[in-house]
């Protein structure tokens, strides 16, 4: 029979996996305007064009022609890792890769906007959560 702390660890890893997966998919939903138009509460982009412009702002060092492809690539990666985390398939790899993806986002934000922009508490939670999740010795479904 499992001890109470083993059951709690099992629950917390599933909760963390769902929270991280849903946070990725929520950001994608915002890009497609599913949470509302720009300017409404809790809406960062409101449409994909605003996200592409923000991607260009963060990646000022890249040629302008690469920015739309980079925006699509990062959106695709967030959808892919979000779904992998929700499904529970290859969770260690998905958690590690999504942690690397978020650290890349944080590095680009730091270089383009300064340290304050990259230190938003939710982003810090997400990066640390994914790295911690990838380090768990036992990952249940």
Protein backbone atom coordinates (compact mmCIF):
# COMPACT_ATOMS: atom_id res chain seq x y z
CA UNK A 1 0.00 0.00 0.00
CA UNK A 2 1.29 3.46 -0.90
CA UNK A 3 2.13 5.86 1.88
CA UNK A 4 0.27 9.20 1.95
CA UNK A 5 3.31 11.17 0.67
CA UNK A 6 3.65 8.83 -2.32
CA UNK A 7 0.00 9.39 -3.22
CA UNK A 8 0.47 13.14 -2.77
CA UNK A 9 3.53 13.07 -5.05
CA UNK A 10 1.53 11.19 -7.66
CA UNK A 11 -1.28 13.74 -7.48
CA UNK A 12 1.06 16.73 -7.57
CA UNK A 13 2.92 15.50 -10.66
CA UNK A 14 -0.36 14.99 -12.54
CA UNK A 15 -1.58 18.42 -11.40
CA UNK A 16 1.70 20.03 -12.49
CA UNK A 17 1.54 18.28 -15.86
CA UNK A 18 -2.01 19.53 -16.47
CA UNK A 19 -1.21 23.07 -15.28
CA UNK A 20 1.79 23.34 -17.58
CA UNK A 21 0.01 21.83 -20.57
CA UNK A 22 -3.00 24.09 -20.13
CA UNK A 23 -0.81 27.17 -19.74
CA UNK A 24 0.75 26.48 -23.13
CA UNK A 25 -2.62 25.95 -24.77
CA UNK A 26 -4.07 29.03 -23.09
CA UNK A 27 -1.29 31.20 -24.55
CA UNK A 28 -2.02 29.77 -28.00
CA UNK A 29 -5.75 30.43 -27.56
CA UNK A 30 -4.92 34.06 -26.77
CA UNK A 31 -2.93 34.34 -30.00
CA UNK A 32 -5.91 33.16 -32.00
CA UNK A 33 -8.27 35.57 -30.23
CA UNK A 34 -10.25 32.89 -28.38
CA UNK A 35 -9.98 34.79 -25.08
CA UNK A 36 -11.18 38.03 -26.64
CA UNK A 37 -9.84 41.09 -28.42
CA UNK A 38 -6.73 42.98 -27.41
CA UNK A 39 -7.43 45.40 -24.60
CA UNK A 40 -9.86 43.17 -22.74
CA UNK A 41 -8.81 41.93 -19.29
CA UNK A 42 -6.26 39.10 -19.32
CA UNK A 43 -5.73 39.27 -23.09
CA UNK A 44 -2.10 39.78 -24.13
CA UNK A 45 -2.35 39.57 -27.93
CA UNK A 46 -5.91 39.00 -29.10
CA UNK A 47 -4.84 38.04 -32.61
CA UNK A 48 -1.95 36.37 -34.37
CA UNK A 49 -0.75 39.55 -36.09
CA UNK A 50 -0.01 41.17 -32.72
CA UNK A 51 1.88 38.04 -31.65
CA UNK A 52 3.97 38.14 -34.84
CA UNK A 53 4.81 41.78 -34.12
CA UNK A 54 5.80 40.86 -30.54
CA UNK A 55 7.93 37.99 -31.86
CA UNK A 56 9.71 40.51 -34.10
CA UNK A 57 10.30 42.79 -31.13
CA UNK A 58 11.86 39.96 -29.11
CA UNK A 59 13.95 38.65 -32.01
CA UNK A 60 15.23 41.99 -33.29
CA UNK A 61 18.53 40.35 -34.30
CA UNK A 62 16.90 38.04 -36.89
CA UNK A 63 16.06 39.02 -40.47
CA UNK A 64 12.54 40.41 -40.73
CA UNK A 65 11.53 37.68 -43.19
CA UNK A 66 12.12 34.98 -40.55
CA UNK A 67 9.77 36.46 -37.93
CA UNK A 68 6.43 35.04 -39.21
CA UNK A 69 7.95 31.57 -39.54
CA UNK A 70 9.40 31.83 -36.03
CA UNK A 71 5.99 32.86 -34.66
CA UNK A 72 4.35 29.85 -36.33
CA UNK A 73 7.14 27.54 -35.13
CA UNK A 74 6.89 28.70 -31.52
CA UNK A 75 3.09 28.40 -31.60
CA UNK A 76 3.36 24.90 -33.04
CA UNK A 77 5.88 23.92 -30.36
CA UNK A 78 3.59 25.22 -27.60
CA UNK A 79 0.64 23.28 -29.01
CA UNK A 80 2.74 20.13 -29.35
CA UNK A 81 4.25 20.26 -25.86
CA UNK A 82 0.95 21.30 -24.29
CA UNK A 83 -0.83 18.32 -25.80
CA UNK A 84 2.00 15.93 -24.86
CA UNK A 85 1.85 17.10 -21.25
CA UNK A 86 -1.95 16.78 -21.12
CA UNK A 87 -1.86 13.33 -22.71
CA UNK A 88 0.93 12.17 -20.42
CA UNK A 89 2.97 10.70 -23.27
CA UNK A 90 6.77 10.95 -22.93
CA UNK A 91 6.31 13.31 -20.00
CA UNK A 92 9.98 13.61 -19.04
CA UNK A 93 11.03 14.51 -22.55
CA UNK A 94 8.04 16.84 -23.04
CA UNK A 95 8.72 18.57 -19.72
CA UNK A 96 12.42 19.01 -20.44
CA UNK A 97 11.82 20.30 -23.97
CA UNK A 98 9.08 22.67 -22.86
CA UNK A 99 11.35 23.96 -20.08
CA UNK A 100 14.06 24.63 -22.67
CA UNK A 101 11.48 26.35 -24.88
CA UNK A 102 10.38 28.63 -22.04
CA UNK A 103 13.97 29.41 -21.08
CA UNK A 104 14.59 30.38 -24.70
CA UNK A 105 11.56 32.68 -24.53
CA UNK A 106 12.90 34.15 -21.28
CA UNK A 107 16.35 34.73 -22.76
CA UNK A 108 14.89 36.48 -25.81
CA UNK A 109 12.70 38.64 -23.52
CA UNK A 110 15.70 39.53 -21.36
CA UNK A 111 17.85 40.53 -24.33
CA UNK A 112 15.08 42.54 -26.00
CA UNK A 113 13.12 44.04 -23.10
CA UNK A 114 15.30 43.74 -20.02
CA UNK A 115 15.32 41.47 -17.00
CA UNK A 116 12.03 42.78 -15.61
CA UNK A 117 10.02 41.47 -18.55
CA UNK A 118 11.46 37.97 -18.25
CA UNK A 119 11.00 37.71 -14.50
CA UNK A 120 7.21 37.73 -14.48
CA UNK A 121 6.22 35.27 -11.73
CA UNK A 122 4.08 33.03 -13.95
CA UNK A 123 6.87 32.54 -16.45
CA UNK A 124 9.31 31.75 -13.68
CA UNK A 125 6.85 29.22 -12.25
CA UNK A 126 6.40 27.60 -15.64
CA UNK A 127 10.13 27.25 -16.34
CA UNK A 128 10.90 25.88 -12.91
CA UNK A 129 7.87 23.62 -12.94
CA UNK A 130 8.81 22.02 -16.21
CA UNK A 131 12.38 21.45 -15.15
CA UNK A 132 11.26 20.02 -11.81
CA UNK A 133 8.71 17.82 -13.55
CA UNK A 134 11.40 16.48 -15.87
CA UNK A 135 13.47 15.57 -12.81
CA UNK A 136 10.85 13.46 -11.03
CA UNK A 137 11.96 9.89 -10.48
CA UNK A 138 8.41 8.54 -10.88
CA UNK A 139 5.93 10.10 -13.26
CA UNK A 140 2.43 8.59 -13.19
CA UNK A 141 0.08 8.71 -16.13
